């Protein structure tokens, strides 16, 4: 088991990957640096190997697929994940690793949004998207994560070996953030200095298509992790609609003794039934979610014992 593993997913990053590997080797000489090449058509793999990284390959396209492979194959006490585009400073890595190794933090987030991101990033829709995603998750999941979509993070062994990664692409950061919050794992924010990509290096993130995927991921995970909140909102909305349209019918009945709008009354009745069904669906699913959280705690114990056994064998 490695003490510290630096994980760098890459796709066509020949202009920057060599510098990234050397920067992290300089600040973390004890770390093992892994570059996972994701079907690059340039010299990314060759340059990373020349810089001293262990190069492996993931042939299923997408950042989520690469990280799933990394987490499955590599065992380490601390994982540092960064991008190969040289936008994240290696200087923060020792502080992030220290939080994991000595303060038992499960996920350390490299917070760009509290420093230079909005000045350095020249893509205004990216800035808006980051702010929207951060606000949405912090409101829905009652968290205080400063940067949801940053690619610069540190993880504990327990986090890496217990997260069920379902994302294929850039939604992966959102999925990791929500998983940590929902499972009550320890999360810390470290403010980093962000710098935009150097000239000639192009982002693989599509503002609109990937942004829509991230928003869909938030809705799906909110549904999965907090069904009572999700179906409760639907129930409340349907109940409100039913009451608003039913009130005039009831008022007419009190004043005239007649029900003149039977179709409205019938629709309102069915709408209220749908509201009640949504409420009970949320309650039933919330019970399953609670059982899943209890099972997860037992899984954490098993992973912790597995880690101790590996460290004991190495000694």
Foldseek 3Di string as FASTA:
>chain_A
DAAEEEEEEDAQQVVFQLVVLLQLCVQCVSYAYEYEYAPHPDCNQVSNVVSPHHYHYDPQDAPLSRLLVVLVPDAYQKYKWAYRQPFFHSNCVVVQSCCCNPVVAFKEAAAAPVACCVVADPDVLVVVLQVVLQVVCCVLLVDDDRTQQHRTMMGGNLLSVQQDRDDGYSLRSNSSVNVCSLLVGGYHYDYTHGHDGDPPDDDPDDSPPVSVVNVVVSLVVSCQRQVLVVLLVVLVVLLVVLCVQCVVQVVCCVVPVDRPCVVSNVVSVVSNVSSVVSNVVRVVSVVVNVVVSVVSVVVSVVSVVVVVVVVVVVD
